[in-house]
Amino acid sequence: MTVKKYDAIVVGAGFGGLSSALTLQSMGLSVALIEALDKVGGRAYVENKNGYLFDRGPSIITAPFLIDDIFQMSGVNREDYCKFVPVDPYYNVVFHDGTNIAHYNSQDKFLNEINKISPDEVEGVKAFFAHAEKIFQKGFVELGDKNFSNPYSMLGVAPQLLKLNAVRPVYSMVSKFVKNEKVRQFLSFHPLLIGGNPFRASAVYSLINRLERAYGVFHPIGGMNKLAEAFDKRFRELGGVTFLSSPVESVSKNLSGDFVVETSNQTLVSNKLLVNADMHRFVKTVLKGNAYPKKLSRKLSRADLSMSAFLMYFGTNKQWPEMCQHTIALGPRYKELLEDIFIKKIEFEDFSVYIHIPTRSDPSLAPKGGEVIYALVPVANLASQTNWDSYKNVIADKVRTFLEDKFLPGLKSSIVEESIFTPVDFDTTLRSHLGNAFGLEPWILQSAGFRPSNSSPEIDGLYFVGANTQPGAGLPGVILSSRITCRLVAKDIGSEKMPALLANLPSTFSYINLY
């Protein structure tokens, strides 16, 4: 069997792995990118069903400058590889009684939405935004791409975060500013986008709302997997090597201290290993011998994993032009439903659902006159012991009926193609422990320095990138994690290789002070 040696090996071609591979290759290293699936993208996998393109993964691009910077480091403009179009309104949140709040790019239009729900809350919302601005300045601008080696390394910033009440749960902080329950739900749901419970996730995550308002929400033409392909294309143009359909079976260290990465058909060697695979599964089942981080393994055994998701994809021969691209339909219960998902981990009769219609911005994703619709229902991970073989048909029927009755009249009769992805598929296809959809749950004791470090303190040359490490899940989060990890690699091999754009906050970043 041929043994190939590289300066760095990246396992997992999700966005964290792709951005890391491209960054390291741009630094002049020889890099191999290994992916278990037959396409790059990881969770951003695409399924083509007779011309309907179903993007499985993330559906929203915020902070596009983070992505632009990676392409600039490689010497090209991202627009030449993947074009983004703005989405406005960003999303429409619909409550159980049919009332709604649409989040527009225009602050005046957005505040009018608040006014129609509760005129008394407009000033409170403004005050919340002003406070979130301070959290954004600290949590994103100053700390967003900083690595904390352990909880004690946070001591220098903890007093400032405490002063901002940023360690309180998001919902609790929002409630200081507004009293109307609908407005509270609207301002607090954002942690759900990265697998967090608004009643447990730190108020630092209110900066997600701030990112949207300052820098917009975008859609990549061709779908999210098109962006993954763009990363990979540029990586290979620079000489990087991508191995698809190559699940890693084991990783050990040889006598020279190099990692020996065994796949089903080849052996690769490097003294730098970046892991973008599910951290729990990879550490527990793939890392062997003197490549096995015992302390991290024990920490992961005690960790709380994020929720999972039940996903349905529809390809239809009908369109619903009145629908926004992003709609969030909240059920009759908010806190109670989240407790069922995160704490009790039980099945439930009611549900909330996120509806994504990418063909609103990008008709190329479906045959002419058709629509692609993605429905995501937050559910408990496989710790719930739910029998998904039977339950998936029950919940699928409920979702179809709900969508047809409330949002998409005529949906059932217009479905041409359909695909379902359950927590079991997260576990088996994506190798995500217990079918978690977002890695470690981002509550206060699993945030920042409480999360696993991007560089292993136990195993020399072992690094992590993606949703399970710092700063966390979500597309901006995994891109920032790549930035942190690549900076650590550059420091270890000699900082002279570190591009200026990697050393500092992105040059494309223009700080917009909204208040």
Protein backbone atom coordinates (compact mmCIF):
# COMPACT_ATOMS: atom_id res chain seq x y z
CA MET A 1 0.00 0.00 0.00
CA THR A 2 1.35 3.42 -0.99
CA VAL A 3 2.23 5.77 1.87
CA LYS A 4 1.94 9.47 1.07
CA LYS A 5 3.35 12.20 3.31
CA TYR A 6 1.96 15.73 3.60
CA ASP A 7 2.74 18.80 5.69
CA ALA A 8 -0.80 18.67 7.03
CA ILE A 9 -3.79 16.36 6.81
CA VAL A 10 -7.34 17.63 7.29
CA VAL A 11 -10.03 15.05 8.08
CA GLY A 12 -13.54 16.12 7.14
CA ALA A 13 -14.54 18.37 4.25
CA GLY A 14 -17.18 20.41 6.04
CA PHE A 15 -16.77 24.16 5.92
CA GLY A 16 -14.32 24.11 8.81
CA GLY A 17 -12.14 21.53 7.07
CA LEU A 18 -12.43 23.15 3.64
CA SER A 19 -11.50 26.61 4.89
CA SER A 20 -8.60 25.17 6.90
CA ALA A 21 -7.28 23.13 3.97
CA LEU A 22 -7.41 26.14 1.65
CA THR A 23 -5.78 28.44 4.22
CA LEU A 24 -2.91 26.03 4.93
CA GLN A 25 -2.37 25.34 1.24
CA SER A 26 -2.26 29.12 0.68
CA MET A 27 0.52 29.28 3.28
CA GLY A 28 2.65 27.01 1.11
CA LEU A 29 2.04 23.73 2.91
CA SER A 30 1.24 20.50 1.11
CA VAL A 31 -2.20 19.51 2.36
CA ALA A 32 -4.41 16.44 1.99
CA LEU A 33 -8.14 16.74 2.64
CA ILE A 34 -9.92 13.47 3.46
CA GLU A 35 -13.70 13.11 3.27
CA ALA A 36 -15.80 10.02 4.03
CA LEU A 37 -18.66 11.01 1.71
CA ASP A 38 -18.57 11.14 -2.09
CA LYS A 39 -18.83 14.95 -2.15
CA VAL A 40 -17.27 17.77 -0.20
CA GLY A 41 -19.43 19.81 2.17
CA GLY A 42 -19.96 17.56 5.19
CA ARG A 43 -23.34 18.60 6.55
CA ALA A 44 -23.62 20.86 3.49
CA TYR A 45 -24.08 17.79 1.29
CA VAL A 46 -26.30 18.13 -1.77
CA GLU A 47 -28.71 15.55 -3.13
CA ASN A 48 -29.88 15.89 -6.75
CA LYS A 49 -33.26 14.27 -7.31
CA ASN A 50 -34.20 14.68 -10.97
CA GLY A 51 -33.14 18.31 -11.13
CA TYR A 52 -34.25 19.28 -7.62
CA LEU A 53 -31.17 20.16 -5.55
CA PHE A 54 -31.65 19.43 -1.86
CA ASP A 55 -29.02 21.15 0.30
CA ARG A 56 -28.87 19.25 3.59
CA GLY A 57 -26.80 21.62 5.65
CA PRO A 58 -26.62 25.28 6.64
CA SER A 59 -28.98 27.55 4.77
CA ILE A 60 -27.92 31.08 5.73
CA ILE A 61 -24.72 33.00 5.10
CA THR A 62 -23.95 35.81 7.53
CA ALA A 63 -20.65 37.67 7.96
CA PRO A 64 -19.65 36.96 4.33
CA PHE A 65 -16.40 38.87 4.85
CA LEU A 66 -15.07 35.88 6.81
CA ILE A 67 -15.46 33.72 3.72
CA ASP A 68 -14.15 36.42 1.38
CA ASP A 69 -10.97 36.65 3.41
CA ILE A 70 -10.10 32.99 2.92
CA PHE A 71 -10.31 33.33 -0.83
CA GLN A 72 -8.30 36.56 -0.70
CA MET A 73 -5.56 34.78 1.25
CA SER A 74 -5.36 32.34 -1.65
CA GLY A 75 -5.01 35.18 -4.17
CA VAL A 76 -8.49 35.27 -5.72
CA ASN A 77 -11.88 36.87 -5.18
CA ARG A 78 -14.67 34.72 -3.85
CA GLU A 79 -17.14 36.26 -6.35
CA ASP A 80 -15.25 34.54 -9.18
CA TYR A 81 -15.98 31.15 -7.61
CA CYS A 82 -19.36 31.55 -5.92
CA LYS A 83 -21.78 34.46 -6.06
CA PHE A 84 -23.91 35.57 -3.11
CA VAL A 85 -27.24 37.37 -3.35
CA PRO A 86 -28.84 39.26 -0.45
CA VAL A 87 -32.03 37.95 1.17
CA ASP A 88 -34.59 40.46 2.47
CA PRO A 89 -36.50 40.06 4.67
CA TYR A 90 -33.96 37.91 6.45
CA TYR A 91 -36.73 35.69 7.77
CA ASN A 92 -40.34 35.77 8.88
CA VAL A 93 -41.20 34.48 12.36
CA VAL A 94 -44.80 33.26 12.52
CA PHE A 95 -46.43 32.59 15.87
CA HIS A 96 -49.03 29.95 16.68
CA ASP A 97 -51.91 32.43 16.43
CA GLY A 98 -50.88 33.52 12.92
CA THR A 99 -49.30 36.85 13.85
CA ASN A 100 -45.77 37.42 12.63
CA ILE A 101 -42.62 39.53 12.82
CA ALA A 102 -40.59 39.87 9.63
CA HIS A 103 -36.93 40.78 10.09
CA TYR A 104 -36.13 43.32 7.39
CA ASN A 105 -32.77 44.78 6.47
CA SER A 106 -34.27 48.23 7.05
CA GLN A 107 -34.39 49.00 10.75
CA ASP A 108 -37.40 51.27 10.26
CA LYS A 109 -39.34 48.50 8.53
CA PHE A 110 -38.31 46.05 11.22
CA LEU A 111 -39.37 48.34 14.06
CA ASN A 112 -42.71 48.75 12.30
CA GLU A 113 -43.05 44.98 12.59
CA ILE A 114 -42.46 45.23 16.34
CA ASN A 115 -44.91 48.12 16.53
CA LYS A 116 -47.73 46.07 15.03
CA ILE A 117 -47.20 43.36 17.68
CA SER A 118 -46.67 45.63 20.68
CA PRO A 119 -46.10 49.39 20.27
CA ASP A 120 -44.89 49.62 23.86
CA GLU A 121 -41.91 47.39 23.08
CA VAL A 122 -40.24 49.47 20.34
CA GLU A 123 -38.05 51.42 22.77
CA GLY A 124 -37.20 48.24 24.65
CA VAL A 125 -36.09 46.58 21.42
CA LYS A 126 -33.88 49.57 20.64
CA ALA A 127 -32.36 49.33 24.11
CA PHE A 128 -31.73 45.61 23.63
CA PHE A 129 -30.00 46.27 20.32
CA ALA A 130 -27.81 48.92 21.93
CA HIS A 131 -26.80 46.43 24.62
CA ALA A 132 -26.24 43.68 22.05
CA GLU A 133 -23.88 46.09 20.29
CA LYS A 134 -21.61 46.08 23.33
CA ILE A 135 -21.70 42.28 23.48
CA PHE A 136 -20.90 42.12 19.77
CA GLN A 137 -17.90 44.41 20.24
CA LYS A 138 -16.53 42.21 23.00
CA GLY A 139 -17.70 38.75 21.91
CA PHE A 140 -17.09 38.98 18.17
CA VAL A 141 -14.76 41.85 17.32
CA GLU A 142 -12.36 41.29 20.22
CA LEU A 143 -12.78 37.61 21.10
CA GLY A 144 -14.44 35.92 18.11
CA ASP A 145 -11.24 34.44 16.71
CA LYS A 146 -9.30 34.02 19.97
CA ASN A 147 -8.40 30.61 21.35
CA PHE A 148 -8.79 29.89 25.05
CA SER A 149 -6.59 26.97 26.04
CA ASN A 150 -8.67 26.34 29.17
CA PRO A 151 -11.30 28.05 31.37
CA TYR A 152 -8.60 29.85 33.38
CA SER A 153 -7.39 31.62 30.24
CA MET A 154 -10.72 33.49 30.25
CA LEU A 155 -10.06 35.24 33.56
CA GLY A 156 -8.91 38.40 31.82
CA VAL A 157 -12.19 38.88 29.94
CA ALA A 158 -14.65 37.38 32.43
CA PRO A 159 -15.24 40.63 34.40
CA GLN A 160 -16.19 42.49 31.23
CA LEU A 161 -18.58 39.75 30.14
CA LEU A 162 -20.12 39.68 33.61
CA LYS A 163 -20.58 43.44 33.50
CA LEU A 164 -22.48 43.05 30.22
CA ASN A 165 -24.64 40.25 31.67
CA ALA A 166 -23.34 38.17 28.78
CA VAL A 167 -23.17 35.02 30.90
CA ARG A 168 -26.92 35.08 31.51
CA PRO A 169 -29.09 32.97 29.21
CA VAL A 170 -30.22 34.78 26.08
CA TYR A 171 -33.90 34.64 27.00
CA SER A 172 -33.18 36.03 30.46
CA MET A 173 -31.22 38.96 29.08
CA VAL A 174 -33.85 39.73 26.44
CA SER A 175 -36.50 39.72 29.16
CA LYS A 176 -34.74 42.62 30.88
CA PHE A 177 -35.61 44.82 27.92
CA VAL A 178 -38.99 43.59 26.65
CA LYS A 179 -42.09 42.13 28.30
CA ASN A 180 -44.16 40.92 25.36
CA GLU A 181 -43.73 37.15 25.04
CA LYS A 182 -43.76 37.16 21.24
CA VAL A 183 -41.06 39.80 21.07
CA ARG A 184 -39.06 37.88 23.67
CA GLN A 185 -39.26 34.74 21.56
CA PHE A 186 -38.28 36.62 18.43
CA LEU A 187 -35.20 38.17 20.02
CA SER A 188 -34.10 34.99 21.79
CA PHE A 189 -34.49 32.14 19.30
CA HIS A 190 -31.12 32.64 17.56
CA PRO A 191 -29.17 30.06 19.64
CA LEU A 192 -31.40 27.42 18.06
CA LEU A 193 -29.62 28.16 14.77
CA ILE A 194 -26.44 26.71 16.28
CA GLY A 195 -28.01 23.97 18.38
CA GLY A 196 -28.49 25.95 21.58
CA ASN A 197 -31.37 26.32 24.00
CA PRO A 198 -32.23 30.05 24.46
CA PHE A 199 -32.93 29.30 28.13
CA ARG A 200 -29.41 27.90 28.64
CA ALA A 201 -27.22 29.47 25.95
CA SER A 202 -25.12 32.46 26.98
CA ALA A 203 -26.31 35.93 25.99
CA VAL A 204 -23.08 36.21 24.01
CA TYR A 205 -25.02 34.46 21.26
CA SER A 206 -27.23 37.53 20.90
CA LEU A 207 -24.45 38.72 18.60
CA ILE A 208 -25.93 36.46 15.89
CA ASN A 209 -28.81 38.90 15.61
CA ARG A 210 -26.30 41.75 15.48
CA LEU A 211 -24.32 40.11 12.67
CA GLU A 212 -27.47 39.80 10.60
CA ARG A 213 -28.55 43.38 11.09
CA ALA A 214 -25.14 44.87 10.30
CA TYR A 215 -23.91 42.64 7.48
CA GLY A 216 -27.02 41.06 6.03
CA VAL A 217 -28.18 37.56 5.16
CA PHE A 218 -27.13 35.97 1.87
CA HIS A 219 -27.76 32.98 -0.34
CA PRO A 220 -25.07 31.37 -2.54
CA ILE A 221 -26.20 30.91 -6.13
CA GLY A 222 -26.18 27.19 -6.86
CA GLY A 223 -26.85 26.31 -3.23
CA MET A 224 -24.70 25.97 -0.15
CA ASN A 225 -22.83 23.00 -1.58
CA LYS A 226 -21.73 25.27 -4.42
CA LEU A 227 -19.77 27.25 -1.84
CA ALA A 228 -18.23 24.02 -0.56
CA GLU A 229 -17.22 23.14 -4.12
CA ALA A 230 -15.72 26.62 -4.54
CA PHE A 231 -13.47 26.11 -1.52
CA ASP A 232 -12.38 22.73 -2.83
CA LYS A 233 -11.79 23.99 -6.37
CA ARG A 234 -9.45 26.74 -5.21
CA PHE A 235 -7.72 24.33 -2.82
CA ARG A 236 -6.99 21.93 -5.67
CA GLU A 237 -5.90 24.75 -7.98
CA LEU A 238 -3.13 25.50 -5.48
CA GLY A 239 -2.01 21.87 -5.47
CA GLY A 240 -4.08 20.52 -2.61
CA VAL A 241 -5.29 16.94 -2.81
CA THR A 242 -8.85 15.88 -1.92
CA PHE A 243 -9.69 12.25 -1.22
CA LEU A 244 -13.43 11.49 -1.38
CA SER A 245 -15.24 8.32 -0.28
CA SER A 246 -12.35 7.75 2.13
CA PRO A 247 -13.56 7.22 5.69
CA VAL A 248 -10.68 7.24 8.15
CA GLU A 249 -10.45 3.92 9.97
CA SER A 250 -7.64 4.65 12.43
CA VAL A 251 -5.01 7.22 13.36
CA SER A 252 -1.89 6.41 15.33
CA LYS A 253 1.61 7.86 15.68
CA ASN A 254 4.79 6.26 14.36
CA LEU A 255 8.24 6.30 15.95
CA SER A 256 9.01 9.62 14.26
CA GLY A 257 6.03 11.23 15.94
CA ASP A 258 4.06 11.54 12.70
CA PHE A 259 0.37 10.75 12.45
CA VAL A 260 -0.37 7.64 10.42
CA VAL A 261 -3.83 8.01 8.92
CA GLU A 262 -5.36 4.79 7.62
CA THR A 263 -8.31 4.81 5.24
CA SER A 264 -9.85 1.83 3.50
CA ASN A 265 -7.50 2.13 0.53
CA GLN A 266 -4.44 4.14 1.51
CA THR A 267 -2.11 5.37 4.23
CA LEU A 268 -1.24 9.03 4.68
CA VAL A 269 1.38 10.49 7.02
CA SER A 270 1.85 13.97 8.48
CA ASN A 271 3.02 15.64 11.68
CA LYS A 272 0.00 17.97 11.61
CA LEU A 273 -3.53 16.56 11.82
CA LEU A 274 -6.63 18.78 11.76
CA VAL A 275 -9.89 17.05 12.66
CA ASN A 276 -13.14 18.45 11.26
CA ALA A 277 -15.00 15.19 11.85
CA ASP A 278 -17.42 14.74 14.76
CA MET A 279 -15.08 15.13 17.72
CA HIS A 280 -16.73 12.58 20.03
CA ARG A 281 -16.89 9.83 17.41
CA PHE A 282 -13.37 10.52 16.08
CA VAL A 283 -11.66 10.70 19.46
CA LYS A 284 -13.41 7.63 20.83
CA THR A 285 -13.18 5.33 17.82
CA VAL A 286 -10.44 6.53 15.43
CA LEU A 287 -7.53 7.95 17.44
CA LYS A 288 -5.41 5.09 18.75
CA GLY A 289 -2.42 4.50 21.02
CA ASN A 290 -0.18 7.51 21.49
CA ALA A 291 -2.51 9.59 19.30
CA TYR A 292 -5.37 9.11 21.76
CA PRO A 293 -6.11 12.15 24.00
CA LYS A 294 -7.33 10.54 27.24
CA LYS A 295 -8.31 13.73 29.06
CA LEU A 296 -10.30 15.02 26.11
CA SER A 297 -12.04 11.67 25.80
CA ARG A 298 -13.14 11.87 29.44
CA LYS A 299 -14.34 15.44 28.94
CA LEU A 300 -16.40 14.43 25.91
CA SER A 301 -17.99 11.58 27.88
CA ARG A 302 -19.42 14.17 30.27
CA ALA A 303 -20.38 16.72 27.61
CA ASP A 304 -23.90 17.73 26.65
CA LEU A 305 -24.56 17.28 22.95
CA SER A 306 -26.78 19.55 20.90
CA MET A 307 -30.23 18.65 19.71
CA SER A 308 -30.78 16.84 16.44
CA ALA A 309 -33.14 17.64 13.58
CA PHE A 310 -35.81 15.97 11.50
CA LEU A 311 -35.43 17.21 7.93
CA MET A 312 -37.83 16.97 5.00
CA TYR A 313 -37.08 18.11 1.46
CA PHE A 314 -39.73 18.61 -1.17
CA GLY A 315 -39.38 19.15 -4.89
CA THR A 316 -42.68 20.49 -6.21
CA ASN A 317 -44.21 21.41 -9.56
CA LYS A 318 -45.87 24.42 -7.95
CA GLN A 319 -44.57 27.70 -6.50
CA TRP A 320 -45.61 29.87 -3.55
CA PRO A 321 -44.24 33.33 -4.40
CA GLU A 322 -45.90 34.89 -1.35
CA MET A 323 -43.56 32.95 0.97
CA CYS A 324 -40.30 34.40 2.28
CA GLN A 325 -37.13 32.42 1.67
CA HIS A 326 -36.80 31.78 5.42
CA THR A 327 -39.83 31.23 7.67
CA ILE A 328 -39.76 30.15 11.30
CA ALA A 329 -43.08 28.80 12.54
CA LEU A 330 -43.13 28.68 16.33
CA GLY A 331 -45.50 26.22 17.96
CA PRO A 332 -47.93 26.82 20.84
CA ARG A 333 -45.23 26.03 23.42
CA TYR A 334 -41.82 27.70 23.52
CA LYS A 335 -39.98 26.99 26.76
CA GLU A 336 -41.85 23.73 27.36
CA LEU A 337 -41.04 22.39 23.90
CA LEU A 338 -37.37 23.28 24.32
CA GLU A 339 -37.35 21.40 27.63
CA ASP A 340 -38.80 18.36 25.87
CA ILE A 341 -36.02 18.54 23.28
CA PHE A 342 -32.98 19.47 25.38
CA ILE A 343 -33.75 18.24 28.89
CA LYS A 344 -36.39 15.51 28.83
CA LYS A 345 -35.42 14.27 25.34
CA ILE A 346 -38.89 12.94 24.60
CA GLU A 347 -41.26 12.76 21.66
CA PHE A 348 -43.89 15.48 21.46
CA GLU A 349 -47.19 16.15 19.73
CA ASP A 350 -46.57 19.78 18.77
CA PHE A 351 -43.50 21.20 17.08
CA SER A 352 -41.85 24.27 15.65
CA VAL A 353 -40.53 24.20 12.10
CA TYR A 354 -38.06 26.18 10.03
CA ILE A 355 -39.06 26.45 6.36
CA HIS A 356 -36.43 27.29 3.78
CA ILE A 357 -37.36 27.92 0.14
CA PRO A 358 -34.02 28.59 -1.62
CA THR A 359 -35.69 28.85 -5.02
CA ARG A 360 -36.98 32.23 -3.87
CA SER A 361 -33.48 33.57 -4.60
CA ASP A 362 -32.22 30.84 -6.90
CA PRO A 363 -34.64 29.27 -9.42
CA SER A 364 -31.78 27.13 -10.80
CA LEU A 365 -32.23 24.73 -7.88
CA ALA A 366 -35.46 23.29 -9.34
CA PRO A 367 -36.93 22.57 -12.79
CA LYS A 368 -38.76 25.51 -14.33
CA GLY A 369 -41.96 26.33 -12.46
CA GLY A 370 -40.96 24.20 -9.50
CA GLU A 371 -39.87 24.85 -5.95
CA VAL A 372 -37.39 23.36 -3.52
CA ILE A 373 -38.62 23.38 0.08
CA TYR A 374 -36.65 22.37 3.16
CA ALA A 375 -38.45 21.85 6.47
CA LEU A 376 -36.46 21.39 9.68
CA VAL A 377 -38.07 20.30 12.93
CA PRO A 378 -35.83 20.50 16.03
CA VAL A 379 -35.92 17.18 17.88
CA ALA A 380 -33.97 15.46 20.64
CA ASN A 381 -30.80 13.59 19.74
CA LEU A 382 -30.68 9.80 19.94
CA ALA A 383 -30.34 9.86 23.72
CA SER A 384 -34.14 10.03 23.52
CA GLN A 385 -34.31 6.35 22.48
CA THR A 386 -36.94 7.30 19.88
CA ASN A 387 -37.70 4.55 17.36
CA TRP A 388 -37.19 6.59 14.21
CA ASP A 389 -38.07 3.67 11.91
CA SER A 390 -41.69 4.14 12.91
CA TYR A 391 -41.77 7.68 14.27
CA LYS A 392 -40.41 9.29 11.10
CA ASN A 393 -43.59 8.44 9.18
CA VAL A 394 -45.76 9.85 11.97
CA ILE A 395 -43.90 13.15 12.14
CA ALA A 396 -43.57 13.36 8.34
CA ASP A 397 -47.35 13.17 7.95
CA LYS A 398 -47.76 15.88 10.58
CA VAL A 399 -45.24 18.16 8.88
CA ARG A 400 -46.81 17.79 5.43
CA THR A 401 -50.27 18.51 6.83
CA PHE A 402 -49.06 21.46 8.89
CA LEU A 403 -47.25 23.04 5.94
CA GLU A 404 -50.21 22.57 3.62
CA ASP A 405 -52.75 23.92 6.11
CA LYS A 406 -50.74 26.91 7.34
CA PHE A 407 -48.30 27.97 4.62
CA LEU A 408 -48.26 25.96 1.40
CA PRO A 409 -51.79 25.20 0.12
CA GLY A 410 -51.76 22.35 -2.36
CA LEU A 411 -48.37 21.09 -1.19
CA LYS A 412 -49.20 17.39 -0.97
CA SER A 413 -50.57 17.11 -4.50
CA SER A 414 -47.64 19.07 -5.95
CA ILE A 415 -44.80 16.99 -4.49
CA VAL A 416 -42.68 15.46 -7.25
CA GLU A 417 -39.64 14.46 -5.17
CA GLU A 418 -39.21 14.03 -1.44
CA SER A 419 -36.36 13.13 0.88
CA ILE A 420 -36.25 12.61 4.65
CA PHE A 421 -33.23 12.85 6.96
CA THR A 422 -33.59 11.80 10.60
CA PRO A 423 -31.31 11.78 13.67
CA VAL A 424 -30.39 8.21 12.72
CA ASP A 425 -29.02 9.53 9.42
CA PHE A 426 -26.98 12.14 11.28
CA ASP A 427 -25.52 9.26 13.28
CA THR A 428 -24.87 6.82 10.43
CA THR A 429 -24.30 8.95 7.33
CA LEU A 430 -22.59 11.92 8.97
CA ARG A 431 -21.02 9.86 11.78
CA SER A 432 -22.33 12.35 14.32
CA HIS A 433 -22.46 10.88 17.84
CA LEU A 434 -26.06 10.24 18.95
CA GLY A 435 -27.20 12.00 15.81
CA ASN A 436 -26.43 15.45 17.16
CA ALA A 437 -26.80 18.16 14.51
CA PHE A 438 -24.60 20.94 15.90
CA GLY A 439 -21.86 19.40 18.05
CA LEU A 440 -21.59 20.31 21.72
CA GLU A 441 -24.56 22.22 23.09
CA PRO A 442 -23.49 25.88 23.49
CA TRP A 443 -24.57 26.56 27.04
CA ILE A 444 -22.44 28.67 29.37
CA LEU A 445 -20.22 25.83 30.66
CA GLN A 446 -19.62 24.63 27.10
CA SER A 447 -18.75 28.00 25.59
CA ALA A 448 -15.41 29.72 24.88
CA GLY A 449 -12.68 28.29 27.15
CA PHE A 450 -15.02 25.59 28.45
CA ARG A 451 -15.10 24.05 24.98
CA PRO A 452 -12.27 21.81 23.79
CA SER A 453 -9.29 23.83 22.61
CA ASN A 454 -8.50 24.05 18.90
CA SER A 455 -5.03 22.67 19.67
CA SER A 456 -4.67 19.52 21.74
CA PRO A 457 -2.62 20.05 24.92
CA GLU A 458 -2.11 16.28 25.12
CA ILE A 459 -1.07 15.25 21.61
CA ASP A 460 1.52 17.31 19.77
CA GLY A 461 0.40 18.26 16.27
CA LEU A 462 -3.29 17.43 16.83
CA TYR A 463 -5.79 20.20 16.11
CA PHE A 464 -9.56 20.50 15.94
CA VAL A 465 -11.76 22.68 13.78
CA GLY A 466 -15.51 23.02 13.39
CA ALA A 467 -18.63 23.01 15.53
CA ASN A 468 -17.24 21.09 18.53
CA THR A 469 -14.33 23.39 19.24
CA GLN A 470 -14.01 27.16 19.71
CA PRO A 471 -15.94 29.35 19.11
CA GLY A 472 -18.73 26.92 18.11
CA ALA A 473 -21.32 25.96 15.52
CA GLY A 474 -22.91 27.95 12.72
CA LEU A 475 -21.19 28.96 9.50
CA PRO A 476 -19.46 32.05 10.97
CA GLY A 477 -18.45 29.95 13.98
CA VAL A 478 -16.78 27.17 12.01
CA ILE A 479 -15.04 29.67 9.72
CA LEU A 480 -13.71 31.46 12.80
CA SER A 481 -12.65 28.12 14.26
CA SER A 482 -10.66 27.50 11.08
CA ARG A 483 -9.05 30.90 11.49
CA ILE A 484 -8.09 30.11 15.10
CA THR A 485 -6.75 26.66 14.25
CA CYS A 486 -4.74 27.74 11.22
CA ARG A 487 -3.20 30.54 13.26
CA LEU A 488 -2.12 27.95 15.86
CA VAL A 489 -0.62 25.76 13.13
CA ALA A 490 1.19 28.75 11.63
CA LYS A 491 2.59 29.66 15.03
CA ASP A 492 3.83 26.10 15.55
CA ILE A 493 5.58 25.87 12.18
CA GLY A 494 6.91 29.44 12.15
CA SER A 495 4.87 32.62 12.11
CA GLU A 496 6.61 33.91 8.97
CA LYS A 497 4.29 31.65 7.00
CA MET A 498 1.22 33.32 8.49
CA PRO A 499 -0.58 35.59 6.00
CA ALA A 500 -1.32 39.10 7.23
CA LEU A 501 -5.03 38.46 6.78
CA LEU A 502 -4.80 35.51 9.15
CA ALA A 503 -2.80 37.36 11.78
CA ASN A 504 -5.38 40.09 12.27
CA LEU A 505 -9.12 40.61 12.02
CA PRO A 506 -10.18 40.18 8.37
CA SER A 507 -9.13 43.09 6.17
CA THR A 508 -12.54 42.87 4.52
CA PHE A 509 -14.17 43.43 7.92
CA SER A 510 -15.65 46.90 8.18
CA TYR A 511 -16.93 47.55 11.68
CA ILE A 512 -20.43 48.95 11.44
CA ASN A 513 -21.62 50.63 14.62
CA LEU A 514 -25.39 50.59 14.53
CA TYR A 515 -25.74 52.82 17.61
